[in-house]
Amino acid sequence: MRYVKWLSHYLDRRRSAVTFGKFDGLHLGHQKLVEKVLELKKEQNTVGIVCAFDMRPLWKANQLHMERLMTGKERYHHLDAQMDYLVECPFTEKFRNVTAQDFIRDVICGVFHAAYVVVGTDFHFGRNQGGDVHMLEEYSKEYGYELVVVEKERYNDHVISSTYIRDVLKEGNVRLTNYLLGYPFEVNGRVERGRQLGRTLGFPTMNVAWPEYKLVPPRGVYVSEITIDGIKYPGISNVGVKPTVSEEGRIVLESFLFGYGSDAYGRKIKAEFLEFRRPEQKFGNIEEMKACVDKDIAYGKRYFGIE
């Protein structure tokens, strides 16, 4: 799959099947859109495209601190080997003011040469969100594309949406979060060198800085699986500021892997969250902290059936 940063950098002139959206999380609802594009790509011999709107320029311009379920790199890895293109469209003030009709003419047709446009029932686009699926249908014959509207995916009485999943995750319900996403909530990063306190206490950890704009779930300990060098290890992870041993206030992911004994500094890891164990707490001393971490490790080993 090819990654393209700006609409102006997309130069393929073949007819396409394209879907649009923020695609934060690539949850079960998003996956229905992707699956439809894949189906059209195979059956109609079109180029398969996901066009994802990157809202960060708008957030920065308006000094908003918003949080995402996934980073752009994580979205790329989830789509790789499926699509022909992931096109990331920065949502600038200029792009925000493109009219709905200009979006159809200049983007859907002018940039992507769309044969098929795949969207959800509530898709809106253009200045003041003036365009919708009815407008897309109205202009489809004039611009020579076929509109495919995909019904929303539901869980009980809820439409599965990024907003709903963020709310679920903020409550610490990791199992439901993972079900709605269709895969475990994850954090990716490079292992940085810390104070190595865990090593002296018998549980060496891998520290990763929390990604910018990535949603921070409830601080505390999670049962997790950590992938390093292509191998997945069971373990536990702590999300937080390590209040017992640090006054830095920086959110860090700290993971202890069962069965891993090598030096991981500088290496990339992926931590997948499976279950919330307990909230982060400040202990009276190092001994209290170690006793609690020992219990966390024992809990994690029981979870994975490790003796």
C-alpha atoms as a PDB file:
ATOM      1  CA  MET A   1       0.000   0.000   0.000  1.00  0.00           C
ATOM      2  CA  ARG A   2       1.232   3.474  -0.828  1.00  0.00           C
ATOM      3  CA  TYR A   3       0.932   6.333   1.642  1.00  0.00           C
ATOM      4  CA  VAL A   4       0.213   9.828   0.294  1.00  0.00           C
ATOM      5  CA  LYS A   5       0.290  12.858   2.597  1.00  0.00           C
ATOM      6  CA  TRP A   6      -1.566  15.507   0.562  1.00  0.00           C
ATOM      7  CA  LEU A   7      -4.370  15.365  -1.993  1.00  0.00           C
ATOM      8  CA  SER A   8      -2.154  17.239  -4.442  1.00  0.00           C
ATOM      9  CA  HIS A   9       0.420  14.427  -4.211  1.00  0.00           C
ATOM     10  CA  TYR A  10      -1.999  11.754  -5.366  1.00  0.00           C
ATOM     11  CA  LEU A  11      -1.264  11.334  -9.079  1.00  0.00           C
ATOM     12  CA  ASP A  12      -2.804   7.983 -10.070  1.00  0.00           C
ATOM     13  CA  ARG A  13      -5.307   8.581 -12.869  1.00  0.00           C
ATOM     14  CA  ARG A  14      -6.971   5.160 -12.814  1.00  0.00           C
ATOM     15  CA  ARG A  15     -10.625   4.872 -11.800  1.00  0.00           C
ATOM     16  CA  SER A  16     -11.006   4.217  -8.108  1.00  0.00           C
ATOM     17  CA  ALA A  17     -13.232   2.974  -5.335  1.00  0.00           C
ATOM     18  CA  VAL A  18     -12.719   5.487  -2.529  1.00  0.00           C
ATOM     19  CA  THR A  19     -14.033   5.979   0.985  1.00  0.00           C
ATOM     20  CA  PHE A  20     -13.757   9.122   3.100  1.00  0.00           C
ATOM     21  CA  GLY A  21     -13.701   9.803   6.825  1.00  0.00           C
ATOM     22  CA  LYS A  22     -11.569  10.445   9.894  1.00  0.00           C
ATOM     23  CA  PHE A  23     -11.104   6.701  10.412  1.00  0.00           C
ATOM     24  CA  ASP A  24     -10.014   7.157  14.010  1.00  0.00           C
ATOM     25  CA  GLY A  25      -9.595   3.649  15.355  1.00  0.00           C
ATOM     26  CA  LEU A  26     -10.563   1.792  12.182  1.00  0.00           C
ATOM     27  CA  HIS A  27     -13.295   0.178  14.262  1.00  0.00           C
ATOM     28  CA  LEU A  28     -15.905  -2.371  13.149  1.00  0.00           C
ATOM     29  CA  GLY A  29     -17.985   0.340  11.465  1.00  0.00           C
ATOM     30  CA  HIS A  30     -14.998   1.638   9.510  1.00  0.00           C
ATOM     31  CA  GLN A  31     -14.086  -1.911   8.569  1.00  0.00           C
ATOM     32  CA  LYS A  32     -17.426  -2.308   6.778  1.00  0.00           C
ATOM     33  CA  LEU A  33     -16.472   0.635   4.540  1.00  0.00           C
ATOM     34  CA  VAL A  34     -13.014  -0.801   3.928  1.00  0.00           C
ATOM     35  CA  GLU A  35     -14.430  -4.234   3.113  1.00  0.00           C
ATOM     36  CA  LYS A  36     -16.797  -2.708   0.557  1.00  0.00           C
ATOM     37  CA  VAL A  37     -13.951  -0.840  -1.116  1.00  0.00           C
ATOM     38  CA  LEU A  38     -11.936  -4.071  -1.203  1.00  0.00           C
ATOM     39  CA  GLU A  39     -14.876  -5.879  -2.780  1.00  0.00           C
ATOM     40  CA  LEU A  40     -15.229  -3.235  -5.498  1.00  0.00           C
ATOM     41  CA  LYS A  41     -11.460  -3.140  -6.026  1.00  0.00           C
ATOM     42  CA  LYS A  42     -11.436  -6.872  -6.778  1.00  0.00           C
ATOM     43  CA  GLU A  43     -14.709  -7.178  -8.684  1.00  0.00           C
ATOM     44  CA  GLN A  44     -14.491  -3.982 -10.736  1.00  0.00           C
ATOM     45  CA  ASN A  45     -10.703  -3.776 -11.117  1.00  0.00           C
ATOM     46  CA  THR A  46     -10.500  -0.333  -9.562  1.00  0.00           C
ATOM     47  CA  VAL A  47      -7.869   1.284  -7.347  1.00  0.00           C
ATOM     48  CA  GLY A  48      -8.788   0.940  -3.653  1.00  0.00           C
ATOM     49  CA  ILE A  49      -8.370   4.124  -1.606  1.00  0.00           C
ATOM     50  CA  VAL A  50      -8.957   5.199   1.975  1.00  0.00           C
ATOM     51  CA  CYS A  51      -8.887   8.986   2.267  1.00  0.00           C
ATOM     52  CA  ALA A  52      -8.467   9.883   5.943  1.00  0.00           C
ATOM     53  CA  PHE A  53      -8.967  13.432   7.197  1.00  0.00           C
ATOM     54  CA  ASP A  54      -6.220  14.448   9.642  1.00  0.00           C
ATOM     55  CA  MET A  55      -7.851  16.877  12.085  1.00  0.00           C
ATOM     56  CA  ARG A  56      -4.649  17.946  13.861  1.00  0.00           C
ATOM     57  CA  PRO A  57      -4.087  21.160  11.823  1.00  0.00           C
ATOM     58  CA  LEU A  58      -7.564  22.349  12.810  1.00  0.00           C
ATOM     59  CA  TRP A  59      -7.024  21.399  16.448  1.00  0.00           C
ATOM     60  CA  LYS A  60      -3.705  23.243  16.571  1.00  0.00           C
ATOM     61  CA  ALA A  61      -5.138  26.330  14.885  1.00  0.00           C
ATOM     62  CA  ASN A  62      -7.933  26.453  17.470  1.00  0.00           C
ATOM     63  CA  GLN A  63      -5.683  25.411  20.390  1.00  0.00           C
ATOM     64  CA  LEU A  64      -7.743  22.298  21.054  1.00  0.00           C
ATOM     65  CA  HIS A  65      -6.308  19.285  22.861  1.00  0.00           C
ATOM     66  CA  MET A  66      -8.179  16.390  21.296  1.00  0.00           C
ATOM     67  CA  GLU A  67      -7.355  12.712  21.605  1.00  0.00           C
ATOM     68  CA  ARG A  68      -7.350   9.946  19.013  1.00  0.00           C
ATOM     69  CA  LEU A  69      -7.775   6.187  19.324  1.00  0.00           C
ATOM     70  CA  MET A  70      -4.915   5.617  16.899  1.00  0.00           C
ATOM     71  CA  THR A  71      -1.992   7.443  15.355  1.00  0.00           C
ATOM     72  CA  GLY A  72      -1.497   7.841  11.630  1.00  0.00           C
ATOM     73  CA  LYS A  73       1.244   5.191  11.632  1.00  0.00           C
ATOM     74  CA  GLU A  74      -1.029   2.728  13.416  1.00  0.00           C
ATOM     75  CA  ARG A  75      -3.756   3.327  10.817  1.00  0.00           C
ATOM     76  CA  TYR A  76      -1.243   2.688   8.053  1.00  0.00           C
ATOM     77  CA  HIS A  77      -0.176  -0.650   9.558  1.00  0.00           C
ATOM     78  CA  HIS A  78      -3.788  -1.786   9.969  1.00  0.00           C
ATOM     79  CA  LEU A  79      -4.589  -1.006   6.323  1.00  0.00           C
ATOM     80  CA  ASP A  80      -1.323  -2.175   4.790  1.00  0.00           C
ATOM     81  CA  ALA A  81      -1.654  -5.148   2.418  1.00  0.00           C
ATOM     82  CA  GLN A  82      -5.354  -4.336   1.888  1.00  0.00           C
ATOM     83  CA  MET A  83      -5.591  -1.011   0.068  1.00  0.00           C
ATOM     84  CA  ASP A  84      -3.699   0.407  -2.872  1.00  0.00           C
ATOM     85  CA  TYR A  85      -3.513   3.834  -1.231  1.00  0.00           C
ATOM     86  CA  LEU A  86      -3.940   5.496   2.131  1.00  0.00           C
ATOM     87  CA  VAL A  87      -4.279   9.209   1.417  1.00  0.00           C
ATOM     88  CA  GLU A  88      -4.029  11.443   4.455  1.00  0.00           C
ATOM     89  CA  CYS A  89      -5.712  14.802   3.966  1.00  0.00           C
ATOM     90  CA  PRO A  90      -4.703  17.468   6.519  1.00  0.00           C
ATOM     91  CA  PHE A  91      -7.871  19.276   7.593  1.00  0.00           C
ATOM     92  CA  THR A  92      -6.638  22.841   7.226  1.00  0.00           C
ATOM     93  CA  GLU A  93      -8.739  25.978   7.389  1.00  0.00           C
ATOM     94  CA  LYS A  94      -8.502  26.229   3.597  1.00  0.00           C
ATOM     95  CA  PHE A  95      -9.758  22.670   3.134  1.00  0.00           C
ATOM     96  CA  ARG A  96     -12.484  23.261   5.706  1.00  0.00           C
ATOM     97  CA  ASN A  97     -13.906  26.028   3.511  1.00  0.00           C
ATOM     98  CA  VAL A  98     -14.128  24.001   0.304  1.00  0.00           C
ATOM     99  CA  THR A  99     -17.785  23.905  -0.744  1.00  0.00           C
ATOM    100  CA  ALA A 100     -19.578  20.578  -1.004  1.00  0.00           C
ATOM    101  CA  GLN A 101     -19.957  20.870  -4.780  1.00  0.00           C
ATOM    102  CA  ASP A 102     -16.278  21.749  -5.200  1.00  0.00           C
ATOM    103  CA  PHE A 103     -15.379  18.718  -3.069  1.00  0.00           C
ATOM    104  CA  ILE A 104     -17.313  16.475  -5.440  1.00  0.00           C
ATOM    105  CA  ARG A 105     -15.869  18.075  -8.555  1.00  0.00           C
ATOM    106  CA  ASP A 106     -12.279  18.693  -7.436  1.00  0.00           C
ATOM    107  CA  VAL A 107     -11.596  15.892  -4.942  1.00  0.00           C
ATOM    108  CA  ILE A 108     -13.887  12.949  -5.650  1.00  0.00           C
ATOM    109  CA  CYS A 109     -13.579  13.314  -9.396  1.00  0.00           C
ATOM    110  CA  GLY A 110     -10.643  15.626 -10.025  1.00  0.00           C
ATOM    111  CA  VAL A 111      -8.189  13.940  -7.646  1.00  0.00           C
ATOM    112  CA  PHE A 112      -9.451  10.372  -7.282  1.00  0.00           C
ATOM    113  CA  HIS A 113     -11.260   9.799 -10.607  1.00  0.00           C
ATOM    114  CA  ALA A 114     -13.851   7.904  -8.583  1.00  0.00           C
ATOM    115  CA  ALA A 115     -15.901   5.147 -10.154  1.00  0.00           C
ATOM    116  CA  TYR A 116     -17.349   4.276  -6.725  1.00  0.00           C
ATOM    117  CA  VAL A 117     -17.766   6.428  -3.614  1.00  0.00           C
ATOM    118  CA  VAL A 118     -18.273   4.404  -0.431  1.00  0.00           C
ATOM    119  CA  VAL A 119     -19.554   6.251   2.664  1.00  0.00           C
ATOM    120  CA  GLY A 120     -21.663   5.769   5.767  1.00  0.00           C
ATOM    121  CA  THR A 121     -25.248   6.984   6.081  1.00  0.00           C
ATOM    122  CA  ASP A 122     -24.261  10.065   8.112  1.00  0.00           C
ATOM    123  CA  PHE A 123     -21.337  11.209   5.949  1.00  0.00           C
ATOM    124  CA  HIS A 124     -21.176  15.022   5.632  1.00  0.00           C
ATOM    125  CA  PHE A 125     -18.618  17.060   3.745  1.00  0.00           C
ATOM    126  CA  GLY A 126     -17.835  20.541   2.479  1.00  0.00           C
ATOM    127  CA  ARG A 127     -18.111  23.964   4.086  1.00  0.00           C
ATOM    128  CA  ASN A 128     -20.414  23.910   7.109  1.00  0.00           C
ATOM    129  CA  GLN A 129     -20.899  20.204   6.343  1.00  0.00           C
ATOM    130  CA  GLY A 130     -23.260  21.219   3.561  1.00  0.00           C
ATOM    131  CA  GLY A 131     -22.961  17.974   1.621  1.00  0.00           C
ATOM    132  CA  ASP A 132     -24.483  14.601   2.496  1.00  0.00           C
ATOM    133  CA  VAL A 133     -25.345  11.260   0.884  1.00  0.00           C
ATOM    134  CA  HIS A 134     -28.376  12.807  -0.850  1.00  0.00           C
ATOM    135  CA  MET A 135     -26.160  15.377  -2.532  1.00  0.00           C
ATOM    136  CA  LEU A 136     -23.660  12.691  -3.516  1.00  0.00           C
ATOM    137  CA  GLU A 137     -26.474  10.711  -5.122  1.00  0.00           C
ATOM    138  CA  GLU A 138     -27.810  13.808  -6.876  1.00  0.00           C
ATOM    139  CA  TYR A 139     -24.442  14.545  -8.540  1.00  0.00           C
ATOM    140  CA  SER A 140     -23.438  10.927  -9.235  1.00  0.00           C
ATOM    141  CA  LYS A 141     -24.673  10.797 -12.835  1.00  0.00           C
ATOM    142  CA  GLU A 142     -23.251  14.197 -13.710  1.00  0.00           C
ATOM    143  CA  TYR A 143     -19.795  13.225 -12.463  1.00  0.00           C
ATOM    144  CA  GLY A 144     -19.881   9.574 -13.458  1.00  0.00           C
ATOM    145  CA  TYR A 145     -19.504   7.697 -10.189  1.00  0.00           C
ATOM    146  CA  GLU A 146     -21.716   5.228  -8.347  1.00  0.00           C
ATOM    147  CA  LEU A 147     -22.596   5.943  -4.718  1.00  0.00           C
ATOM    148  CA  VAL A 148     -22.493   3.068  -2.237  1.00  0.00           C
ATOM    149  CA  VAL A 149     -23.989   3.870   1.174  1.00  0.00           C
ATOM    150  CA  VAL A 150     -23.099   1.460   3.992  1.00  0.00           C
ATOM    151  CA  GLU A 151     -25.355   1.094   7.022  1.00  0.00           C
ATOM    152  CA  LYS A 152     -23.920   1.733  10.470  1.00  0.00           C
ATOM    153  CA  GLU A 153     -22.608  -1.131  12.557  1.00  0.00           C
ATOM    154  CA  ARG A 154     -24.290  -1.404  15.972  1.00  0.00           C
ATOM    155  CA  TYR A 155     -23.582  -2.846  19.385  1.00  0.00           C
ATOM    156  CA  ASN A 156     -26.791  -3.261  21.384  1.00  0.00           C
ATOM    157  CA  ASP A 157     -28.459   0.173  21.200  1.00  0.00           C
ATOM    158  CA  HIS A 158     -25.283   2.048  20.258  1.00  0.00           C
ATOM    159  CA  VAL A 159     -23.987   2.978  16.831  1.00  0.00           C
ATOM    160  CA  ILE A 160     -20.332   1.942  16.826  1.00  0.00           C
ATOM    161  CA  SER A 161     -18.459   5.208  16.469  1.00  0.00           C
ATOM    162  CA  SER A 162     -15.066   6.576  17.481  1.00  0.00           C
ATOM    163  CA  THR A 163     -16.770   8.848  20.020  1.00  0.00           C
ATOM    164  CA  TYR A 164     -18.581   5.943  21.672  1.00  0.00           C
ATOM    165  CA  ILE A 165     -15.394   3.855  21.806  1.00  0.00           C
ATOM    166  CA  ARG A 166     -13.416   6.723  23.330  1.00  0.00           C
ATOM    167  CA  ASP A 167     -16.057   7.021  26.051  1.00  0.00           C
ATOM    168  CA  VAL A 168     -15.934   3.265  26.714  1.00  0.00           C
ATOM    169  CA  LEU A 169     -12.136   3.277  26.937  1.00  0.00           C
ATOM    170  CA  LYS A 170     -12.106   6.270  29.283  1.00  0.00           C
ATOM    171  CA  GLU A 171     -14.219   4.162  31.654  1.00  0.00           C
ATOM    172  CA  GLY A 172     -11.516   1.482  31.625  1.00  0.00           C
ATOM    173  CA  ASN A 173     -13.634  -1.109  29.816  1.00  0.00           C
ATOM    174  CA  VAL A 174     -10.833  -2.546  27.712  1.00  0.00           C
ATOM    175  CA  ARG A 175     -12.643  -5.729  26.744  1.00  0.00           C
ATOM    176  CA  LEU A 176     -15.577  -3.861  25.230  1.00  0.00           C
ATOM    177  CA  THR A 177     -13.201  -1.373  23.601  1.00  0.00           C
ATOM    178  CA  ASN A 178     -11.352  -4.216  21.911  1.00  0.00           C
ATOM    179  CA  TYR A 179     -14.586  -5.826  20.753  1.00  0.00           C
ATOM    180  CA  LEU A 180     -15.801  -2.572  19.190  1.00  0.00           C
ATOM    181  CA  LEU A 181     -12.452  -1.933  17.539  1.00  0.00           C
ATOM    182  CA  GLY A 182     -12.167  -5.490  16.270  1.00  0.00           C
ATOM    183  CA  TYR A 183      -8.608  -5.709  17.636  1.00  0.00           C
ATOM    184  CA  PRO A 184      -6.818  -4.780  20.905  1.00  0.00           C
ATOM    185  CA  PHE A 185      -6.241  -1.115  21.722  1.00  0.00           C
ATOM    186  CA  GLU A 186      -2.530  -0.570  21.182  1.00  0.00           C
ATOM    187  CA  VAL A 187       0.344   1.804  21.805  1.00  0.00           C
ATOM    188  CA  ASN A 188       3.482   1.856  19.671  1.00  0.00           C
ATOM    189  CA  GLY A 189       6.783   3.495  20.449  1.00  0.00           C
ATOM    190  CA  ARG A 190      10.513   3.199  20.886  1.00  0.00           C
ATOM    191  CA  VAL A 191      11.961   2.009  24.194  1.00  0.00           C
ATOM    192  CA  GLU A 192      13.753   4.814  25.985  1.00  0.00           C
ATOM    193  CA  ARG A 193      16.349   4.622  28.723  1.00  0.00           C
ATOM    194  CA  GLY A 194      14.869   5.277  32.161  1.00  0.00           C
ATOM    195  CA  ARG A 195      16.203   5.201  35.716  1.00  0.00           C
ATOM    196  CA  GLN A 196      16.422   1.382  35.563  1.00  0.00           C
ATOM    197  CA  LEU A 197      14.754   1.165  38.975  1.00  0.00           C
ATOM    198  CA  GLY A 198      12.639  -1.820  37.920  1.00  0.00           C
ATOM    199  CA  ARG A 199      15.779  -3.764  37.057  1.00  0.00           C
ATOM    200  CA  THR A 200      17.159  -3.312  40.584  1.00  0.00           C
ATOM    201  CA  LEU A 201      13.815  -4.451  42.029  1.00  0.00           C
ATOM    202  CA  GLY A 202      13.629  -7.608  39.945  1.00  0.00           C
ATOM    203  CA  PHE A 203      11.173  -6.545  37.240  1.00  0.00           C
ATOM    204  CA  PRO A 204      12.993  -4.689  34.423  1.00  0.00           C
ATOM    205  CA  THR A 205      10.553  -2.625  32.373  1.00  0.00           C
ATOM    206  CA  MET A 206      10.438  -1.067  28.923  1.00  0.00           C
ATOM    207  CA  ASN A 207       9.527   2.620  28.955  1.00  0.00           C
ATOM    208  CA  VAL A 208       7.839   4.293  25.977  1.00  0.00           C
ATOM    209  CA  ALA A 209       6.762   7.935  25.791  1.00  0.00           C
ATOM    210  CA  TRP A 210       3.023   8.268  25.263  1.00  0.00           C
ATOM    211  CA  PRO A 211       2.282   9.349  21.646  1.00  0.00           C
ATOM    212  CA  GLU A 212       1.069  12.905  21.083  1.00  0.00           C
ATOM    213  CA  TYR A 213      -2.730  13.188  20.643  1.00  0.00           C
ATOM    214  CA  LYS A 214      -3.166   9.512  21.582  1.00  0.00           C
ATOM    215  CA  LEU A 215      -6.063   8.958  23.973  1.00  0.00           C
ATOM    216  CA  VAL A 216      -4.820   8.124  27.474  1.00  0.00           C
ATOM    217  CA  PRO A 217      -6.995   5.430  29.091  1.00  0.00           C
ATOM    218  CA  PRO A 218      -7.432   5.392  32.882  1.00  0.00           C
ATOM    219  CA  ARG A 219      -4.003   5.483  34.480  1.00  0.00           C
ATOM    220  CA  GLY A 220      -3.018   2.206  35.998  1.00  0.00           C
ATOM    221  CA  VAL A 221      -1.958  -1.363  35.351  1.00  0.00           C
ATOM    222  CA  TYR A 222      -3.162  -3.454  32.421  1.00  0.00           C
ATOM    223  CA  VAL A 223      -2.703  -7.055  31.373  1.00  0.00           C
ATOM    224  CA  SER A 224      -1.057  -6.754  27.977  1.00  0.00           C
ATOM    225  CA  GLU A 225       0.774  -8.416  25.135  1.00  0.00           C
ATOM    226  CA  ILE A 226       3.921  -6.737  23.896  1.00  0.00           C
ATOM    227  CA  THR A 227       5.462  -7.333  20.479  1.00  0.00           C
ATOM    228  CA  ILE A 228       9.182  -6.764  20.010  1.00  0.00           C
ATOM    229  CA  ASP A 229      11.315  -7.928  17.088  1.00  0.00           C
ATOM    230  CA  GLY A 230       8.231  -9.640  15.636  1.00  0.00           C
ATOM    231  CA  ILE A 231       7.692 -11.823  18.732  1.00  0.00           C
ATOM    232  CA  LYS A 232       4.681 -11.348  21.030  1.00  0.00           C
ATOM    233  CA  TYR A 233       5.211 -11.690  24.778  1.00  0.00           C
ATOM    234  CA  PRO A 234       2.623 -11.755  27.576  1.00  0.00           C
ATOM    235  CA  GLY A 235       3.099  -9.154  30.270  1.00  0.00           C
ATOM    236  CA  ILE A 236       1.705  -6.233  32.230  1.00  0.00           C
ATOM    237  CA  SER A 237       1.840  -2.534  31.413  1.00  0.00           C
ATOM    238  CA  ASN A 238       1.428   0.594  33.485  1.00  0.00           C
ATOM    239  CA  VAL A 239       0.056   3.822  32.028  1.00  0.00           C
ATOM    240  CA  GLY A 240       0.820   6.888  34.096  1.00  0.00           C
ATOM    241  CA  VAL A 241       3.329   9.259  35.629  1.00  0.00           C
ATOM    242  CA  LYS A 242       4.980   6.876  38.137  1.00  0.00           C
ATOM    243  CA  PRO A 243       4.096   9.130  41.118  1.00  0.00           C
ATOM    244  CA  THR A 244       6.029   7.068  43.673  1.00  0.00           C
ATOM    245  CA  VAL A 245       9.398   7.539  41.970  1.00  0.00           C
ATOM    246  CA  SER A 246       8.969  10.560  39.687  1.00  0.00           C
ATOM    247  CA  GLU A 247       7.694  14.138  39.837  1.00  0.00           C
ATOM    248  CA  GLU A 248       8.081  14.690  36.097  1.00  0.00           C
ATOM    249  CA  GLY A 249       4.346  14.368  35.379  1.00  0.00           C
ATOM    250  CA  ARG A 250       4.962  12.895  31.918  1.00  0.00           C
ATOM    251  CA  ILE A 251       2.681  10.082  30.749  1.00  0.00           C
ATOM    252  CA  VAL A 252       4.722   6.946  30.092  1.00  0.00           C
ATOM    253  CA  LEU A 253       3.876   3.395  29.088  1.00  0.00           C
ATOM    254  CA  GLU A 254       5.938   1.030  31.233  1.00  0.00           C
ATOM    255  CA  SER A 255       5.805  -2.684  30.365  1.00  0.00           C
ATOM    256  CA  PHE A 256       7.185  -5.821  32.003  1.00  0.00           C
ATOM    257  CA  LEU A 257       7.406  -8.825  29.675  1.00  0.00           C
ATOM    258  CA  PHE A 258       7.201 -12.397  30.884  1.00  0.00           C
ATOM    259  CA  GLY A 259      10.030 -14.453  29.403  1.00  0.00           C
ATOM    260  CA  TYR A 260      12.066 -11.619  27.849  1.00  0.00           C
ATOM    261  CA  GLY A 261      15.591 -11.030  29.109  1.00  0.00           C
ATOM    262  CA  SER A 262      17.403  -8.999  26.440  1.00  0.00           C
ATOM    263  CA  ASP A 263      18.300  -5.323  26.253  1.00  0.00           C
ATOM    264  CA  ALA A 264      15.487  -3.504  24.418  1.00  0.00           C
ATOM    265  CA  TYR A 265      16.703   0.099  24.519  1.00  0.00           C
ATOM    266  CA  GLY A 266      16.066   1.884  21.233  1.00  0.00           C
ATOM    267  CA  ARG A 267      13.831  -0.856  19.837  1.00  0.00           C
ATOM    268  CA  LYS A 268      10.248  -0.421  18.695  1.00  0.00           C
ATOM    269  CA  ILE A 269       7.514  -2.214  20.608  1.00  0.00           C
ATOM    270  CA  LYS A 270       3.761  -2.556  20.375  1.00  0.00           C
ATOM    271  CA  ALA A 271       1.712  -3.005  23.546  1.00  0.00           C
ATOM    272  CA  GLU A 272      -1.823  -4.379  23.191  1.00  0.00           C
ATOM    273  CA  PHE A 273      -4.142  -3.851  26.162  1.00  0.00           C
ATOM    274  CA  LEU A 274      -6.263  -6.828  27.218  1.00  0.00           C
ATOM    275  CA  GLU A 275      -7.676  -6.066  30.676  1.00  0.00           C
ATOM    276  CA  PHE A 276      -7.610  -3.265  33.256  1.00  0.00           C
ATOM    277  CA  ARG A 277      -6.051  -4.496  36.500  1.00  0.00           C
ATOM    278  CA  ARG A 278      -6.021  -1.533  38.910  1.00  0.00           C
ATOM    279  CA  PRO A 279      -5.690   2.276  39.028  1.00  0.00           C
ATOM    280  CA  GLU A 280      -2.290   3.946  39.366  1.00  0.00           C
ATOM    281  CA  GLN A 281      -1.441   4.853  42.936  1.00  0.00           C
ATOM    282  CA  LYS A 282       1.272   6.613  44.908  1.00  0.00           C
ATOM    283  CA  PHE A 283       2.898   4.355  47.479  1.00  0.00           C
ATOM    284  CA  GLY A 284       4.464   5.351  50.756  1.00  0.00           C
ATOM    285  CA  ASN A 285       7.790   3.813  49.832  1.00  0.00           C
ATOM    286  CA  ILE A 286       9.564   1.590  47.313  1.00  0.00           C
ATOM    287  CA  GLU A 287       8.885  -1.563  49.339  1.00  0.00           C
ATOM    288  CA  GLU A 288       5.108  -1.000  49.198  1.00  0.00           C
ATOM    289  CA  MET A 289       5.323  -0.400  45.458  1.00  0.00           C
ATOM    290  CA  LYS A 290       7.346  -3.596  44.898  1.00  0.00           C
ATOM    291  CA  ALA A 291       4.871  -5.670  46.909  1.00  0.00           C
ATOM    292  CA  CYS A 292       1.979  -4.382  44.799  1.00  0.00           C
ATOM    293  CA  VAL A 293       3.836  -4.893  41.514  1.00  0.00           C
ATOM    294  CA  ASP A 294       4.635  -8.460  42.571  1.00  0.00           C
ATOM    295  CA  LYS A 295       0.872  -9.016  42.940  1.00  0.00           C
ATOM    296  CA  ASP A 296       0.273  -7.429  39.514  1.00  0.00           C
ATOM    297  CA  ILE A 297       2.834  -9.799  37.978  1.00  0.00           C
ATOM    298  CA  ALA A 298       1.234 -12.792  39.677  1.00  0.00           C
ATOM    299  CA  TYR A 299      -2.188 -11.683  38.406  1.00  0.00           C
ATOM    300  CA  GLY A 300      -0.824 -11.349  34.875  1.00  0.00           C
ATOM    301  CA  LYS A 301       0.730 -14.792  34.974  1.00  0.00           C
ATOM    302  CA  ARG A 302      -2.545 -16.318  36.151  1.00  0.00           C
ATOM    303  CA  TYR A 303      -4.335 -14.498  33.315  1.00  0.00           C
ATOM    304  CA  PHE A 304      -2.037 -16.117  30.759  1.00  0.00           C
ATOM    305  CA  GLY A 305      -1.848 -19.471  32.558  1.00  0.00           C
ATOM    306  CA  ILE A 306       1.859 -19.119  33.272  1.00  0.00           C
ATOM    307  CA  GLU A 307       3.234 -21.106  36.205  1.00  0.00           C
END
